[in-house]
Amino acid sequence: MKDNSSKIFNKLAEVMSETAGLANGVKKEVEIIAKSQVERILNDFEVVQRDEFDVMKEMLVNSSDTINKLEKKIKSLENQIKKLKPTK
């Protein structure tokens, strides 16, 4: 009797282990499908991806710095021109 109950528990443990493995596999498949659907929807709405956003942000910051430097240079040159012009 103990031998039979031991076999039953072993078989039950084996079935539960297989079921857990199968459930884990199904979970991963659902996650993959959900992720691909979300990506498809975001692409349909033309949402910018994070890495693209970060590149554009860095370009904007660099452009802003360049513009500020050029504005200072223009003001400096304008001041030099004013000094060279004779006043009436």
PDB file of N, CA and C in Angstrom:
ATOM      1  N   MET A   1       0.820  -1.196   0.000  1.00  0.00           N
ATOM      2  CA  MET A   1       0.000   0.000   0.000  1.00  0.00           C
ATOM      3  C   MET A   1       0.864   1.260   0.000  1.00  0.00           C
ATOM      4  N   LYS A   2       1.928   1.243   0.834  1.00  0.00           N
ATOM      5  CA  LYS A   2       2.825   2.386   0.873  1.00  0.00           C
ATOM      6  C   LYS A   2       3.504   2.572  -0.480  1.00  0.00           C
ATOM      7  N   ASP A   3       3.817   1.490  -1.126  1.00  0.00           N
ATOM      8  CA  ASP A   3       4.469   1.545  -2.420  1.00  0.00           C
ATOM      9  C   ASP A   3       3.535   2.182  -3.454  1.00  0.00           C
ATOM     10  N   ASN A   4       2.251   1.831  -3.396  1.00  0.00           N
ATOM     11  CA  ASN A   4       1.279   2.406  -4.332  1.00  0.00           C
ATOM     12  C   ASN A   4       1.072   3.887  -4.065  1.00  0.00           C
ATOM     13  N   SER A   5       0.940   4.265  -2.794  1.00  0.00           N
ATOM     14  CA  SER A   5       0.735   5.676  -2.477  1.00  0.00           C
ATOM     15  C   SER A   5       1.970   6.496  -2.838  1.00  0.00           C
ATOM     16  N   SER A   6       3.141   5.902  -2.672  1.00  0.00           N
ATOM     17  CA  SER A   6       4.379   6.578  -3.045  1.00  0.00           C
ATOM     18  C   SER A   6       4.401   6.816  -4.561  1.00  0.00           C
ATOM     19  N   LYS A   7       3.982   5.799  -5.317  1.00  0.00           N
ATOM     20  CA  LYS A   7       3.943   5.934  -6.779  1.00  0.00           C
ATOM     21  C   LYS A   7       2.929   7.005  -7.186  1.00  0.00           C
ATOM     22  N   ILE A   8       1.811   7.039  -6.486  1.00  0.00           N
ATOM     23  CA  ILE A   8       0.769   8.033  -6.795  1.00  0.00           C
ATOM     24  C   ILE A   8       1.295   9.443  -6.525  1.00  0.00           C
ATOM     25  N   PHE A   9       1.952   9.616  -5.370  1.00  0.00           N
ATOM     26  CA  PHE A   9       2.504  10.937  -5.054  1.00  0.00           C
ATOM     27  C   PHE A   9       3.611  11.337  -6.030  1.00  0.00           C
ATOM     28  N   ASN A  10       4.425  10.365  -6.396  1.00  0.00           N
ATOM     29  CA  ASN A  10       5.473  10.659  -7.384  1.00  0.00           C
ATOM     30  C   ASN A  10       4.861  11.071  -8.724  1.00  0.00           C
ATOM     31  N   LYS A  11       3.849  10.336  -9.154  1.00  0.00           N
ATOM     32  CA  LYS A  11       3.185  10.662 -10.425  1.00  0.00           C
ATOM     33  C   LYS A  11       2.497  12.023 -10.332  1.00  0.00           C
ATOM     34  N   LEU A  12       1.855  12.291  -9.204  1.00  0.00           N
ATOM     35  CA  LEU A  12       1.190  13.574  -8.997  1.00  0.00           C
ATOM     36  C   LEU A  12       2.212  14.716  -9.030  1.00  0.00           C
ATOM     37  N   ALA A  13       3.352  14.523  -8.397  1.00  0.00           N
ATOM     38  CA  ALA A  13       4.410  15.535  -8.412  1.00  0.00           C
ATOM     39  C   ALA A  13       4.931  15.746  -9.829  1.00  0.00           C
ATOM     40  N   GLU A  14       5.061  14.673 -10.568  1.00  0.00           N
ATOM     41  CA  GLU A  14       5.521  14.762 -11.956  1.00  0.00           C
ATOM     42  C   GLU A  14       4.527  15.536 -12.818  1.00  0.00           C
ATOM     43  N   VAL A  15       3.241  15.242 -12.668  1.00  0.00           N
ATOM     44  CA  VAL A  15       2.202  15.933 -13.434  1.00  0.00           C
ATOM     45  C   VAL A  15       2.165  17.407 -13.061  1.00  0.00           C
ATOM     46  N   MET A  16       2.274  17.710 -11.769  1.00  0.00           N
ATOM     47  CA  MET A  16       2.263  19.110 -11.325  1.00  0.00           C
ATOM     48  C   MET A  16       3.478  19.860 -11.870  1.00  0.00           C
ATOM     49  N   SER A  17       4.613  19.199 -11.896  1.00  0.00           N
ATOM     50  CA  SER A  17       5.826  19.816 -12.426  1.00  0.00           C
ATOM     51  C   SER A  17       5.670  20.112 -13.921  1.00  0.00           C
ATOM     52  N   GLU A  18       5.127  19.160 -14.667  1.00  0.00           N
ATOM     53  CA  GLU A  18       4.894  19.360 -16.098  1.00  0.00           C
ATOM     54  C   GLU A  18       3.888  20.485 -16.333  1.00  0.00           C
ATOM     55  N   THR A  19       2.844  20.512 -15.502  1.00  0.00           N
ATOM     56  CA  THR A  19       1.819  21.555 -15.629  1.00  0.00           C
ATOM     57  C   THR A  19       2.411  22.930 -15.351  1.00  0.00           C
ATOM     58  N   ALA A  20       3.258  23.022 -14.332  1.00  0.00           N
ATOM     59  CA  ALA A  20       3.900  24.300 -14.002  1.00  0.00           C
ATOM     60  C   ALA A  20       4.799  24.744 -15.153  1.00  0.00           C
ATOM     61  N   GLY A  21       5.537  23.807 -15.729  1.00  0.00           N
ATOM     62  CA  GLY A  21       6.395  24.130 -16.863  1.00  0.00           C
ATOM     63  C   GLY A  21       5.581  24.585 -18.064  1.00  0.00           C
ATOM     64  N   LEU A  22       4.476  23.918 -18.310  1.00  0.00           N
ATOM     65  CA  LEU A  22       3.596  24.287 -19.414  1.00  0.00           C
ATOM     66  C   LEU A  22       2.994  25.663 -19.182  1.00  0.00           C
ATOM     67  N   ALA A  23       2.558  25.933 -17.955  1.00  0.00           N
ATOM     68  CA  ALA A  23       1.982  27.239 -17.626  1.00  0.00           C
ATOM     69  C   ALA A  23       3.025  28.339 -17.811  1.00  0.00           C
ATOM     70  N   ASN A  24       4.255  28.068 -17.437  1.00  0.00           N
ATOM     71  CA  ASN A  24       5.330  29.046 -17.602  1.00  0.00           C
ATOM     72  C   ASN A  24       5.566  29.322 -19.086  1.00  0.00           C
ATOM     73  N   GLY A  25       5.534  28.273 -19.905  1.00  0.00           N
ATOM     74  CA  GLY A  25       5.700  28.432 -21.349  1.00  0.00           C
ATOM     75  C   GLY A  25       4.573  29.250 -21.958  1.00  0.00           C
ATOM     76  N   VAL A  26       3.354  28.982 -21.518  1.00  0.00           N
ATOM     77  CA  VAL A  26       2.199  29.734 -22.012  1.00  0.00           C
ATOM     78  C   VAL A  26       2.320  31.190 -21.596  1.00  0.00           C
ATOM     79  N   LYS A  27       2.750  31.433 -20.376  1.00  0.00           N
ATOM     80  CA  LYS A  27       2.924  32.806 -19.888  1.00  0.00           C
ATOM     81  C   LYS A  27       3.918  33.564 -20.761  1.00  0.00           C
ATOM     82  N   LYS A  28       5.038  32.920 -21.088  1.00  0.00           N
ATOM     83  CA  LYS A  28       6.042  33.571 -21.929  1.00  0.00           C
ATOM     84  C   LYS A  28       5.476  33.863 -23.322  1.00  0.00           C
ATOM     85  N   GLU A  29       4.728  32.927 -23.885  1.00  0.00           N
ATOM     86  CA  GLU A  29       4.116  33.135 -25.204  1.00  0.00           C
ATOM     87  C   GLU A  29       3.142  34.314 -25.176  1.00  0.00           C
ATOM     88  N   VAL A  30       2.329  34.391 -24.131  1.00  0.00           N
ATOM     89  CA  VAL A  30       1.369  35.493 -24.005  1.00  0.00           C
ATOM     90  C   VAL A  30       2.110  36.815 -23.889  1.00  0.00           C
ATOM     91  N   GLU A  31       3.197  36.854 -23.121  1.00  0.00           N
ATOM     92  CA  GLU A  31       3.986  38.081 -22.978  1.00  0.00           C
ATOM     93  C   GLU A  31       4.575  38.513 -24.319  1.00  0.00           C
ATOM     94  N   ILE A  32       5.074  37.559 -25.088  1.00  0.00           N
ATOM     95  CA  ILE A  32       5.655  37.879 -26.394  1.00  0.00           C
ATOM     96  C   ILE A  32       4.587  38.431 -27.329  1.00  0.00           C
ATOM     97  N   ILE A  33       3.426  37.788 -27.351  1.00  0.00           N
ATOM     98  CA  ILE A  33       2.330  38.243 -28.218  1.00  0.00           C
ATOM     99  C   ILE A  33       1.856  39.630 -27.795  1.00  0.00           C
ATOM    100  N   ALA A  34       1.690  39.833 -26.496  1.00  0.00           N
ATOM    101  CA  ALA A  34       1.233  41.136 -26.000  1.00  0.00           C
ATOM    102  C   ALA A  34       2.246  42.227 -26.343  1.00  0.00           C
ATOM    103  N   LYS A  35       3.520  41.942 -26.170  1.00  0.00           N
ATOM    104  CA  LYS A  35       4.555  42.928 -26.473  1.00  0.00           C
ATOM    105  C   LYS A  35       4.537  43.285 -27.954  1.00  0.00           C
ATOM    106  N   SER A  36       4.407  42.290 -28.810  1.00  0.00           N
ATOM    107  CA  SER A  36       4.401  42.583 -30.246  1.00  0.00           C
ATOM    108  C   SER A  36       3.161  43.381 -30.640  1.00  0.00           C
ATOM    109  N   GLN A  37       2.033  43.112 -30.006  1.00  0.00           N
ATOM    110  CA  GLN A  37       0.813  43.873 -30.297  1.00  0.00           C
ATOM    111  C   GLN A  37       0.950  45.323 -29.843  1.00  0.00           C
ATOM    112  N   VAL A  38       1.520  45.537 -28.668  1.00  0.00           N
ATOM    113  CA  VAL A  38       1.725  46.902 -28.166  1.00  0.00           C
ATOM    114  C   VAL A  38       2.674  47.652 -29.092  1.00  0.00           C
ATOM    115  N   GLU A  39       3.762  46.999 -29.516  1.00  0.00           N
ATOM    116  CA  GLU A  39       4.701  47.639 -30.435  1.00  0.00           C
ATOM    117  C   GLU A  39       4.013  47.997 -31.752  1.00  0.00           C
ATOM    118  N   ARG A  40       3.169  47.109 -32.258  1.00  0.00           N
ATOM    119  CA  ARG A  40       2.448  47.367 -33.504  1.00  0.00           C
ATOM    120  C   ARG A  40       1.523  48.573 -33.350  1.00  0.00           C
ATOM    121  N   ILE A  41       0.818  48.639 -32.233  1.00  0.00           N
ATOM    122  CA  ILE A  41      -0.094  49.764 -31.983  1.00  0.00           C
ATOM    123  C   ILE A  41       0.687  51.070 -31.876  1.00  0.00           C
ATOM    124  N   LEU A  42       1.802  51.052 -31.151  1.00  0.00           N
ATOM    125  CA  LEU A  42       2.610  52.260 -31.017  1.00  0.00           C
ATOM    126  C   LEU A  42       3.166  52.699 -32.372  1.00  0.00           C
ATOM    127  N   ASN A  43       3.561  51.741 -33.191  1.00  0.00           N
ATOM    128  CA  ASN A  43       4.042  52.084 -34.532  1.00  0.00           C
ATOM    129  C   ASN A  43       2.924  52.678 -35.383  1.00  0.00           C
ATOM    130  N   ASP A  44       1.711  52.151 -35.236  1.00  0.00           N
ATOM    131  CA  ASP A  44       0.564  52.691 -35.974  1.00  0.00           C
ATOM    132  C   ASP A  44       0.290  54.144 -35.578  1.00  0.00           C
ATOM    133  N   PHE A  45       0.488  54.464 -34.313  1.00  0.00           N
ATOM    134  CA  PHE A  45       0.280  55.827 -33.831  1.00  0.00           C
ATOM    135  C   PHE A  45       1.524  56.700 -34.042  1.00  0.00           C
ATOM    136  N   GLU A  46       2.554  56.119 -34.628  1.00  0.00           N
ATOM    137  CA  GLU A  46       3.812  56.803 -34.903  1.00  0.00           C
ATOM    138  C   GLU A  46       4.426  57.416 -33.643  1.00  0.00           C
ATOM    139  N   VAL A  47       4.397  56.652 -32.570  1.00  0.00           N
ATOM    140  CA  VAL A  47       5.004  57.072 -31.310  1.00  0.00           C
ATOM    141  C   VAL A  47       6.521  56.874 -31.429  1.00  0.00           C
ATOM    142  N   VAL A  48       7.270  57.880 -31.001  1.00  0.00           N
ATOM    143  CA  VAL A  48       8.727  57.820 -31.088  1.00  0.00           C
ATOM    144  C   VAL A  48       9.260  56.883 -30.016  1.00  0.00           C
ATOM    145  N   GLN A  49      10.215  56.060 -30.390  1.00  0.00           N
ATOM    146  CA  GLN A  49      10.827  55.166 -29.418  1.00  0.00           C
ATOM    147  C   GLN A  49      11.796  55.946 -28.541  1.00  0.00           C
ATOM    148  N   ARG A  50      12.039  55.445 -27.363  1.00  0.00           N
ATOM    149  CA  ARG A  50      12.839  56.148 -26.357  1.00  0.00           C
ATOM    150  C   ARG A  50      14.239  56.479 -26.865  1.00  0.00           C
ATOM    151  N   ASP A  51      14.904  55.526 -27.510  1.00  0.00           N
ATOM    152  CA  ASP A  51      16.260  55.792 -27.976  1.00  0.00           C
ATOM    153  C   ASP A  51      16.278  56.881 -29.045  1.00  0.00           C
ATOM    154  N   GLU A  52      15.280  56.906 -29.910  1.00  0.00           N
ATOM    155  CA  GLU A  52      15.181  57.969 -30.910  1.00  0.00           C
ATOM    156  C   GLU A  52      14.924  59.319 -30.234  1.00  0.00           C
ATOM    157  N   PHE A  53      14.075  59.317 -29.224  1.00  0.00           N
ATOM    158  CA  PHE A  53      13.783  60.534 -28.476  1.00  0.00           C
ATOM    159  C   PHE A  53      15.047  61.082 -27.823  1.00  0.00           C
ATOM    160  N   ASP A  54      15.825  60.201 -27.202  1.00  0.00           N
ATOM    161  CA  ASP A  54      17.046  60.627 -26.520  1.00  0.00           C
ATOM    162  C   ASP A  54      18.047  61.236 -27.507  1.00  0.00           C
ATOM    163  N   VAL A  55      18.155  60.653 -28.702  1.00  0.00           N
ATOM    164  CA  VAL A  55      19.064  61.198 -29.719  1.00  0.00           C
ATOM    165  C   VAL A  55      18.601  62.585 -30.140  1.00  0.00           C
ATOM    166  N   MET A  56      17.306  62.730 -30.396  1.00  0.00           N
ATOM    167  CA  MET A  56      16.770  64.031 -30.800  1.00  0.00           C
ATOM    168  C   MET A  56      16.940  65.073 -29.690  1.00  0.00           C
ATOM    169  N   LYS A  57      16.749  64.663 -28.450  1.00  0.00           N
ATOM    170  CA  LYS A  57      16.910  65.571 -27.320  1.00  0.00           C
ATOM    171  C   LYS A  57      18.353  66.066 -27.244  1.00  0.00           C
ATOM    172  N   GLU A  58      19.299  65.153 -27.410  1.00  0.00           N
ATOM    173  CA  GLU A  58      20.709  65.536 -27.371  1.00  0.00           C
ATOM    174  C   GLU A  58      21.040  66.497 -28.526  1.00  0.00           C
ATOM    175  N   MET A  59      20.488  66.229 -29.700  1.00  0.00           N
ATOM    176  CA  MET A  59      20.710  67.124 -30.840  1.00  0.00           C
ATOM    177  C   MET A  59      20.140  68.511 -30.553  1.00  0.00           C
ATOM    178  N   LEU A  60      18.976  68.565 -29.934  1.00  0.00           N
ATOM    179  CA  LEU A  60      18.349  69.841 -29.606  1.00  0.00           C
ATOM    180  C   LEU A  60      19.183  70.628 -28.603  1.00  0.00           C
ATOM    181  N   VAL A  61      19.684  69.948 -27.594  1.00  0.00           N
ATOM    182  CA  VAL A  61      20.529  70.612 -26.588  1.00  0.00           C
ATOM    183  C   VAL A  61      21.792  71.159 -27.247  1.00  0.00           C
ATOM    184  N   ASN A  62      22.410  70.353 -28.111  1.00  0.00           N
ATOM    185  CA  ASN A  62      23.616  70.807 -28.807  1.00  0.00           C
ATOM    186  C   ASN A  62      23.312  72.001 -29.710  1.00  0.00           C
ATOM    187  N   SER A  63      22.189  71.945 -30.406  1.00  0.00           N
ATOM    188  CA  SER A  63      21.799  73.064 -31.277  1.00  0.00           C
ATOM    189  C   SER A  63      21.547  74.319 -30.461  1.00  0.00           C
ATOM    190  N   SER A  64      20.911  74.171 -29.333  1.00  0.00           N
ATOM    191  CA  SER A  64      20.633  75.309 -28.464  1.00  0.00           C
ATOM    192  C   SER A  64      21.932  75.945 -27.979  1.00  0.00           C
ATOM    193  N   ASP A  65      22.898  75.126 -27.600  1.00  0.00           N
ATOM    194  CA  ASP A  65      24.204  75.647 -27.169  1.00  0.00           C
ATOM    195  C   ASP A  65      24.880  76.403 -28.309  1.00  0.00           C
ATOM    196  N   THR A  66      24.837  75.840 -29.492  1.00  0.00           N
ATOM    197  CA  THR A  66      25.446  76.487 -30.657  1.00  0.00           C
ATOM    198  C   THR A  66      24.764  77.821 -30.951  1.00  0.00           C
ATOM    199  N   ILE A  67      23.452  77.850 -30.888  1.00  0.00           N
ATOM    200  CA  ILE A  67      22.702  79.090 -31.131  1.00  0.00           C
ATOM    201  C   ILE A  67      23.096  80.155 -30.109  1.00  0.00           C
ATOM    202  N   ASN A  68      23.196  79.779 -28.863  1.00  0.00           N
ATOM    203  CA  ASN A  68      23.592  80.739 -27.816  1.00  0.00           C
ATOM    204  C   ASN A  68      24.989  81.298 -28.081  1.00  0.00           C
ATOM    205  N   LYS A  69      25.915  80.435 -28.475  1.00  0.00           N
ATOM    206  CA  LYS A  69      27.273  80.894 -28.781  1.00  0.00           C
ATOM    207  C   LYS A  69      27.258  81.847 -29.975  1.00  0.00           C
ATOM    208  N   LEU A  70      26.487  81.507 -31.001  1.00  0.00           N
ATOM    209  CA  LEU A  70      26.420  82.361 -32.185  1.00  0.00           C
ATOM    210  C   LEU A  70      25.777  83.713 -31.869  1.00  0.00           C
ATOM    211  N   GLU A  71      24.764  83.720 -31.018  1.00  0.00           N
ATOM    212  CA  GLU A  71      24.134  84.987 -30.622  1.00  0.00           C
ATOM    213  C   GLU A  71      25.144  85.880 -29.906  1.00  0.00           C
ATOM    214  N   LYS A  72      25.937  85.308 -29.032  1.00  0.00           N
ATOM    215  CA  LYS A  72      26.967  86.086 -28.326  1.00  0.00           C
ATOM    216  C   LYS A  72      27.997  86.632 -29.313  1.00  0.00           C
ATOM    217  N   LYS A  73      28.383  85.812 -30.271  1.00  0.00           N
ATOM    218  CA  LYS A  73      29.361  86.231 -31.269  1.00  0.00           C
ATOM    219  C   LYS A  73      28.802  87.380 -32.116  1.00  0.00           C
ATOM    220  N   ILE A  74      27.527  87.278 -32.511  1.00  0.00           N
ATOM    221  CA  ILE A  74      26.886  88.336 -33.306  1.00  0.00           C
ATOM    222  C   ILE A  74      26.854  89.646 -32.510  1.00  0.00           C
ATOM    223  N   LYS A  75      26.469  89.564 -31.246  1.00  0.00           N
ATOM    224  CA  LYS A  75      26.428  90.775 -30.411  1.00  0.00           C
ATOM    225  C   LYS A  75      27.818  91.396 -30.288  1.00  0.00           C
ATOM    226  N   SER A  76      28.810  90.549 -30.124  1.00  0.00           N
ATOM    227  CA  SER A  76      30.180  91.049 -30.029  1.00  0.00           C
ATOM    228  C   SER A  76      30.587  91.741 -31.331  1.00  0.00           C
ATOM    229  N   LEU A  77      30.276  91.142 -32.458  1.00  0.00           N
ATOM    230  CA  LEU A  77      30.607  91.749 -33.751  1.00  0.00           C
ATOM    231  C   LEU A  77      29.834  93.045 -33.982  1.00  0.00           C
ATOM    232  N   GLU A  78      28.576  93.073 -33.567  1.00  0.00           N
ATOM    233  CA  GLU A  78      27.787  94.308 -33.690  1.00  0.00           C
ATOM    234  C   GLU A  78      28.408  95.423 -32.854  1.00  0.00           C
ATOM    235  N   ASN A  79      28.862  95.094 -31.677  1.00  0.00           N
ATOM    236  CA  ASN A  79      29.509  96.091 -30.815  1.00  0.00           C
ATOM    237  C   ASN A  79      30.808  96.601 -31.441  1.00  0.00           C
ATOM    238  N   GLN A  80      31.549  95.703 -32.057  1.00  0.00           N
ATOM    239  CA  GLN A  80      32.786  96.113 -32.725  1.00  0.00           C
ATOM    240  C   GLN A  80      32.479  97.038 -33.901  1.00  0.00           C
ATOM    241  N   ILE A  81      31.418  96.740 -34.654  1.00  0.00           N
ATOM    242  CA  ILE A  81      31.019  97.582 -35.790  1.00  0.00           C
ATOM    243  C   ILE A  81      30.600  98.964 -35.292  1.00  0.00           C
ATOM    244  N   LYS A  82      29.858  99.007 -34.221  1.00  0.00           N
ATOM    245  CA  LYS A  82      29.417 100.303 -33.655  1.00  0.00           C
ATOM    246  C   LYS A  82      30.607 101.161 -33.251  1.00  0.00           C
ATOM    247  N   LYS A  83      31.623 100.519 -32.719  1.00  0.00           N
ATOM    248  CA  LYS A  83      32.815 101.250 -32.301  1.00  0.00           C
ATOM    249  C   LYS A  83      33.588 101.795 -33.502  1.00  0.00           C
ATOM    250  N   LEU A  84      33.531 101.100 -34.625  1.00  0.00           N
ATOM    251  CA  LEU A  84      34.254 101.519 -35.824  1.00  0.00           C
ATOM    252  C   LEU A  84      33.526 102.616 -36.593  1.00  0.00           C
ATOM    253  N   LYS A  85      32.183 102.661 -36.485  1.00  0.00           N
ATOM    254  CA  LYS A  85      31.398 103.667 -37.207  1.00  0.00           C
ATOM    255  C   LYS A  85      31.568 105.033 -36.538  1.00  0.00           C
ATOM    256  N   PRO A  86      31.823 106.033 -37.362  1.00  0.00           N
ATOM    257  CA  PRO A  86      31.872 107.367 -36.772  1.00  0.00           C
ATOM    258  C   PRO A  86      30.470 107.844 -36.423  1.00  0.00           C
ATOM    259  N   THR A  87      30.325 108.464 -35.311  1.00  0.00           N
ATOM    260  CA  THR A  87      29.015 108.999 -34.908  1.00  0.00           C
ATOM    261  C   THR A  87      28.813 110.371 -35.502  1.00  0.00           C
ATOM    262  N   LYS A  88      27.605 110.716 -35.877  1.00  0.00           N
ATOM    263  CA  LYS A  88      27.299 112.000 -36.492  1.00  0.00           C
ATOM    264  C   LYS A  88      26.912 113.011 -35.486  1.00  0.00           C
TER     265      LYS A  88
END
